[in-house]
């Protein structure tokens, strides 16, 4: 075994780096999912309460909590935010450096 560690520069999207189909969609779902988890944690909600709010089975909440965001469409993720009384704002602007990108963040 060689002691030399090899590194590869990331593209900025782990899903693209791993060759996963539709990497931009998967990254967006992951970011939306993390925001859902932040809301659940901030409000100290139980799986049952979240399942009731989102009108899904409790087992689906376990999938969300375990980061299995690819099981959901982007539309579902947006709807989940709305059902949790979160405002989703989509802002479109011209790309500064030639390539478009998706960004998700939360406002105070």
N, C-alpha and C. Protein backbone atom coordinates (compact mmCIF):
# COMPACT_ATOMS: atom_id res chain seq x y z
N UNK A 1 0.85 -1.20 0.00
CA UNK A 1 0.00 0.00 0.00
C UNK A 1 0.88 1.24 0.00
N UNK A 2 0.55 2.18 -0.79
CA UNK A 2 1.30 3.41 -0.93
C UNK A 2 0.87 4.40 0.15
N UNK A 3 1.83 5.07 0.78
CA UNK A 3 1.52 6.04 1.83
C UNK A 3 1.02 7.37 1.25
N UNK A 4 1.14 7.53 -0.05
CA UNK A 4 0.73 8.77 -0.70
C UNK A 4 -0.79 8.80 -0.81
N UNK A 5 -1.40 9.88 -0.34
CA UNK A 5 -2.84 10.06 -0.43
C UNK A 5 -3.15 10.88 -1.66
N UNK A 6 -4.09 10.40 -2.45
CA UNK A 6 -4.48 11.12 -3.66
C UNK A 6 -5.76 11.90 -3.41
N UNK A 7 -5.81 13.09 -3.93
CA UNK A 7 -6.98 13.93 -3.79
C UNK A 7 -7.45 14.34 -5.18
N UNK A 8 -8.75 14.49 -5.28
CA UNK A 8 -9.34 14.99 -6.52
C UNK A 8 -10.16 16.21 -6.17
N UNK A 9 -9.97 17.28 -6.91
CA UNK A 9 -10.72 18.51 -6.65
C UNK A 9 -12.20 18.27 -6.93
N UNK A 10 -13.03 18.72 -6.01
CA UNK A 10 -14.47 18.57 -6.15
C UNK A 10 -15.02 19.57 -7.15
N UNK A 11 -16.09 19.17 -7.82
CA UNK A 11 -16.78 20.08 -8.72
C UNK A 11 -17.66 21.05 -7.93
N UNK A 12 -17.82 20.79 -6.63
CA UNK A 12 -18.74 21.57 -5.81
C UNK A 12 -20.08 20.87 -5.64
N UNK A 13 -20.25 19.75 -6.34
CA UNK A 13 -21.48 18.97 -6.25
C UNK A 13 -21.08 17.50 -6.09
N UNK A 14 -21.22 16.99 -4.89
CA UNK A 14 -20.81 15.61 -4.60
C UNK A 14 -21.57 14.61 -5.46
N UNK A 15 -22.81 14.91 -5.82
CA UNK A 15 -23.59 14.00 -6.64
C UNK A 15 -22.99 13.91 -8.06
N UNK A 16 -22.53 15.03 -8.58
CA UNK A 16 -21.86 15.03 -9.89
C UNK A 16 -20.54 14.25 -9.79
N UNK A 17 -19.79 14.50 -8.72
CA UNK A 17 -18.50 13.83 -8.53
C UNK A 17 -18.65 12.32 -8.46
N UNK A 18 -19.77 11.86 -7.91
CA UNK A 18 -20.01 10.42 -7.77
C UNK A 18 -20.70 9.81 -8.99
N UNK A 19 -21.02 10.64 -9.99
CA UNK A 19 -21.64 10.14 -11.21
C UNK A 19 -23.11 9.79 -11.06
N UNK A 20 -23.77 10.39 -10.08
CA UNK A 20 -25.20 10.14 -9.84
C UNK A 20 -26.01 10.91 -10.87
N UNK A 21 -27.03 10.27 -11.46
CA UNK A 21 -27.87 10.96 -12.45
C UNK A 21 -28.55 12.20 -11.86
N UNK A 22 -28.73 13.21 -12.68
CA UNK A 22 -29.40 14.46 -12.29
C UNK A 22 -28.77 15.08 -11.03
N UNK A 23 -27.47 15.32 -11.06
CA UNK A 23 -26.79 15.78 -9.85
C UNK A 23 -27.29 17.12 -9.32
N UNK A 24 -27.69 18.02 -10.20
CA UNK A 24 -28.18 19.33 -9.73
C UNK A 24 -29.49 19.17 -8.96
N UNK A 25 -30.38 18.31 -9.46
CA UNK A 25 -31.64 18.06 -8.76
C UNK A 25 -31.38 17.42 -7.40
N UNK A 26 -30.45 16.46 -7.37
CA UNK A 26 -30.16 15.76 -6.12
C UNK A 26 -29.54 16.70 -5.09
N UNK A 27 -28.68 17.60 -5.54
CA UNK A 27 -28.09 18.58 -4.62
C UNK A 27 -29.16 19.52 -4.08
N UNK A 28 -30.05 19.96 -4.95
CA UNK A 28 -31.14 20.84 -4.52
C UNK A 28 -32.03 20.13 -3.51
N UNK A 29 -32.38 18.87 -3.78
CA UNK A 29 -33.21 18.11 -2.83
C UNK A 29 -32.51 17.94 -1.49
N UNK A 30 -31.21 17.70 -1.53
CA UNK A 30 -30.45 17.55 -0.29
C UNK A 30 -30.48 18.85 0.52
N UNK A 31 -30.30 19.96 -0.15
CA UNK A 31 -30.33 21.25 0.56
C UNK A 31 -31.72 21.56 1.11
N UNK A 32 -32.75 21.26 0.31
CA UNK A 32 -34.12 21.45 0.80
C UNK A 32 -34.41 20.51 1.98
N UNK A 33 -33.91 19.29 1.88
CA UNK A 33 -34.10 18.32 2.96
C UNK A 33 -33.43 18.75 4.25
N UNK A 34 -32.25 19.30 4.14
CA UNK A 34 -31.55 19.79 5.34
C UNK A 34 -32.34 20.91 5.99
N UNK A 35 -32.92 21.77 5.18
CA UNK A 35 -33.75 22.85 5.74
C UNK A 35 -35.00 22.29 6.44
N UNK A 36 -35.57 21.23 5.89
CA UNK A 36 -36.71 20.57 6.55
C UNK A 36 -36.26 20.01 7.89
N UNK A 37 -35.11 19.33 7.91
CA UNK A 37 -34.59 18.79 9.16
C UNK A 37 -34.31 19.89 10.18
N UNK A 38 -33.79 21.01 9.73
CA UNK A 38 -33.55 22.14 10.63
C UNK A 38 -34.86 22.62 11.26
N UNK A 39 -35.91 22.68 10.45
CA UNK A 39 -37.22 23.09 10.96
C UNK A 39 -37.74 22.10 11.99
N UNK A 40 -37.62 20.81 11.70
CA UNK A 40 -38.06 19.76 12.63
C UNK A 40 -37.30 19.90 13.95
N UNK A 41 -35.99 20.06 13.86
CA UNK A 41 -35.16 20.17 15.07
C UNK A 41 -35.45 21.45 15.84
N UNK A 42 -35.57 22.57 15.13
CA UNK A 42 -35.84 23.85 15.80
C UNK A 42 -37.16 23.83 16.55
N UNK A 43 -38.14 23.17 15.97
CA UNK A 43 -39.47 23.11 16.59
C UNK A 43 -39.63 21.91 17.52
N UNK A 44 -38.59 21.07 17.59
CA UNK A 44 -38.60 19.88 18.46
C UNK A 44 -39.83 19.01 18.19
N UNK A 45 -40.08 18.75 16.89
CA UNK A 45 -41.25 17.98 16.48
C UNK A 45 -40.93 16.48 16.48
N UNK A 46 -41.90 15.68 16.87
CA UNK A 46 -41.75 14.22 16.81
C UNK A 46 -42.05 13.74 15.39
N UNK A 47 -41.61 12.52 15.10
CA UNK A 47 -41.89 11.93 13.78
C UNK A 47 -43.39 11.89 13.51
N UNK A 48 -44.17 11.56 14.51
CA UNK A 48 -45.62 11.46 14.33
C UNK A 48 -46.23 12.82 13.98
N UNK A 49 -45.81 13.85 14.68
CA UNK A 49 -46.33 15.19 14.41
C UNK A 49 -45.95 15.63 12.99
N UNK A 50 -44.69 15.38 12.61
CA UNK A 50 -44.24 15.76 11.26
C UNK A 50 -45.03 14.98 10.21
N UNK A 51 -45.25 13.69 10.44
CA UNK A 51 -46.02 12.87 9.50
C UNK A 51 -47.43 13.43 9.35
N UNK A 52 -48.03 13.85 10.45
CA UNK A 52 -49.37 14.44 10.39
C UNK A 52 -49.36 15.75 9.61
N UNK A 53 -48.37 16.59 9.86
CA UNK A 53 -48.28 17.88 9.17
C UNK A 53 -48.11 17.67 7.67
N UNK A 54 -47.24 16.73 7.29
CA UNK A 54 -46.93 16.52 5.87
C UNK A 54 -47.88 15.54 5.18
N UNK A 55 -48.79 14.94 5.95
CA UNK A 55 -49.74 13.95 5.41
C UNK A 55 -49.03 12.79 4.73
N UNK A 56 -48.00 12.26 5.41
CA UNK A 56 -47.28 11.09 4.93
C UNK A 56 -47.19 10.07 6.06
N UNK A 57 -46.76 8.86 5.72
CA UNK A 57 -46.59 7.83 6.73
C UNK A 57 -45.40 8.16 7.61
N UNK A 58 -45.46 7.71 8.86
CA UNK A 58 -44.38 7.97 9.79
C UNK A 58 -43.05 7.37 9.29
N UNK A 59 -43.14 6.24 8.58
CA UNK A 59 -41.91 5.63 8.04
C UNK A 59 -41.24 6.53 7.00
N UNK A 60 -42.02 7.36 6.32
CA UNK A 60 -41.44 8.30 5.36
C UNK A 60 -40.66 9.41 6.07
N UNK A 61 -41.08 9.75 7.27
CA UNK A 61 -40.36 10.76 8.05
C UNK A 61 -38.99 10.20 8.44
N UNK A 62 -38.96 8.92 8.78
CA UNK A 62 -37.68 8.29 9.10
C UNK A 62 -36.74 8.36 7.90
N UNK A 63 -37.27 8.20 6.69
CA UNK A 63 -36.45 8.31 5.48
C UNK A 63 -35.88 9.72 5.35
N UNK A 64 -36.72 10.72 5.60
CA UNK A 64 -36.26 12.11 5.54
C UNK A 64 -35.15 12.35 6.57
N UNK A 65 -35.38 11.90 7.80
CA UNK A 65 -34.42 12.12 8.87
C UNK A 65 -33.10 11.42 8.57
N UNK A 66 -33.17 10.31 7.84
CA UNK A 66 -31.96 9.57 7.47
C UNK A 66 -31.34 10.07 6.16
N UNK A 67 -31.85 11.18 5.65
CA UNK A 67 -31.23 11.82 4.49
C UNK A 67 -31.55 11.17 3.16
N UNK A 68 -32.63 10.40 3.06
CA UNK A 68 -33.01 9.76 1.80
C UNK A 68 -33.91 10.70 1.00
N UNK A 69 -33.34 11.83 0.63
CA UNK A 69 -34.11 12.88 -0.05
C UNK A 69 -34.41 12.53 -1.49
N UNK A 70 -33.64 11.63 -2.09
CA UNK A 70 -33.85 11.30 -3.50
C UNK A 70 -35.17 10.57 -3.71
N UNK A 71 -35.80 10.11 -2.62
CA UNK A 71 -37.11 9.44 -2.72
C UNK A 71 -38.24 10.43 -3.00
N UNK A 72 -37.95 11.71 -2.97
CA UNK A 72 -38.98 12.74 -3.12
C UNK A 72 -38.70 13.61 -4.32
N UNK A 73 -39.75 14.10 -4.93
CA UNK A 73 -39.60 15.04 -6.05
C UNK A 73 -39.32 16.43 -5.48
N UNK A 74 -38.81 17.31 -6.33
CA UNK A 74 -38.61 18.69 -5.90
C UNK A 74 -39.94 19.32 -5.49
N UNK A 75 -40.99 19.00 -6.23
CA UNK A 75 -42.31 19.55 -5.91
C UNK A 75 -42.75 19.13 -4.51
N UNK A 76 -42.49 17.87 -4.16
CA UNK A 76 -42.84 17.39 -2.82
C UNK A 76 -42.04 18.14 -1.75
N UNK A 77 -40.78 18.36 -2.01
CA UNK A 77 -39.94 19.06 -1.04
C UNK A 77 -40.43 20.50 -0.84
N UNK A 78 -40.80 21.18 -1.93
CA UNK A 78 -41.36 22.53 -1.81
C UNK A 78 -42.67 22.49 -1.01
N UNK A 79 -43.52 21.51 -1.32
CA UNK A 79 -44.80 21.38 -0.61
C UNK A 79 -44.58 21.12 0.87
N UNK A 80 -43.60 20.28 1.21
CA UNK A 80 -43.29 20.01 2.62
C UNK A 80 -42.93 21.30 3.35
N UNK A 81 -42.15 22.14 2.71
CA UNK A 81 -41.79 23.42 3.34
C UNK A 81 -43.03 24.27 3.57
N UNK A 82 -43.90 24.34 2.58
CA UNK A 82 -45.13 25.12 2.73
C UNK A 82 -46.01 24.56 3.85
N UNK A 83 -46.12 23.24 3.93
CA UNK A 83 -46.94 22.63 4.98
C UNK A 83 -46.36 22.88 6.37
N UNK A 84 -45.06 23.12 6.43
CA UNK A 84 -44.42 23.42 7.72
C UNK A 84 -44.35 24.93 7.95
N UNK A 85 -45.20 25.66 7.21
CA UNK A 85 -45.29 27.12 7.32
C UNK A 85 -43.97 27.82 7.02
N UNK A 86 -43.29 27.32 6.01
CA UNK A 86 -42.05 27.94 5.54
C UNK A 86 -42.34 28.58 4.19
N UNK A 87 -41.76 29.72 3.96
CA UNK A 87 -41.91 30.46 2.72
C UNK A 87 -40.80 30.03 1.77
N UNK A 88 -41.17 29.58 0.58
CA UNK A 88 -40.20 29.20 -0.42
C UNK A 88 -40.16 30.29 -1.48
N UNK A 89 -39.00 30.86 -1.69
CA UNK A 89 -38.81 31.94 -2.64
C UNK A 89 -37.81 31.49 -3.69
N UNK A 90 -38.20 31.51 -4.94
CA UNK A 90 -37.30 31.14 -6.02
C UNK A 90 -36.88 32.42 -6.72
N UNK A 91 -35.58 32.65 -6.75
CA UNK A 91 -35.02 33.86 -7.33
C UNK A 91 -34.15 33.47 -8.52
N UNK A 92 -34.42 34.03 -9.66
CA UNK A 92 -33.65 33.70 -10.87
C UNK A 92 -32.87 34.94 -11.29
N UNK A 93 -31.57 34.75 -11.52
CA UNK A 93 -30.74 35.85 -11.98
C UNK A 93 -29.72 35.33 -12.98
N UNK A 94 -29.08 36.26 -13.67
CA UNK A 94 -28.09 35.91 -14.67
C UNK A 94 -26.85 35.33 -13.98
N UNK A 95 -26.32 34.24 -14.54
CA UNK A 95 -25.10 33.63 -14.00
C UNK A 95 -23.93 34.58 -14.22
N UNK A 96 -23.08 34.73 -13.22
CA UNK A 96 -21.95 35.66 -13.32
C UNK A 96 -20.76 35.06 -14.05
N UNK A 97 -20.58 33.76 -13.94
CA UNK A 97 -19.37 33.14 -14.49
C UNK A 97 -19.69 32.10 -15.55
N UNK A 98 -20.77 32.27 -16.28
CA UNK A 98 -21.05 31.42 -17.42
C UNK A 98 -21.87 30.18 -17.17
N UNK A 99 -21.84 29.61 -15.96
CA UNK A 99 -22.59 28.38 -15.70
C UNK A 99 -23.65 28.65 -14.65
N UNK A 100 -24.88 28.22 -14.94
CA UNK A 100 -25.96 28.39 -13.98
C UNK A 100 -25.76 27.48 -12.78
N UNK A 101 -26.41 27.81 -11.69
CA UNK A 101 -26.36 26.99 -10.50
C UNK A 101 -27.61 27.17 -9.68
N UNK A 102 -27.83 26.25 -8.76
CA UNK A 102 -28.96 26.30 -7.86
C UNK A 102 -28.42 26.56 -6.46
N UNK A 103 -29.12 27.38 -5.70
CA UNK A 103 -28.69 27.67 -4.33
C UNK A 103 -29.90 27.63 -3.42
N UNK A 104 -29.70 27.10 -2.23
CA UNK A 104 -30.76 27.06 -1.22
C UNK A 104 -30.16 27.59 0.07
N UNK A 105 -30.88 28.45 0.72
CA UNK A 105 -30.46 28.96 2.01
C UNK A 105 -31.68 29.44 2.77
N UNK A 106 -31.51 29.69 4.03
CA UNK A 106 -32.65 30.17 4.81
C UNK A 106 -32.38 31.59 5.28
N UNK A 107 -33.44 32.34 5.38
CA UNK A 107 -33.36 33.71 5.87
C UNK A 107 -33.86 33.73 7.30
N UNK A 108 -33.37 34.67 8.08
CA UNK A 108 -33.81 34.74 9.48
C UNK A 108 -35.28 35.05 9.61
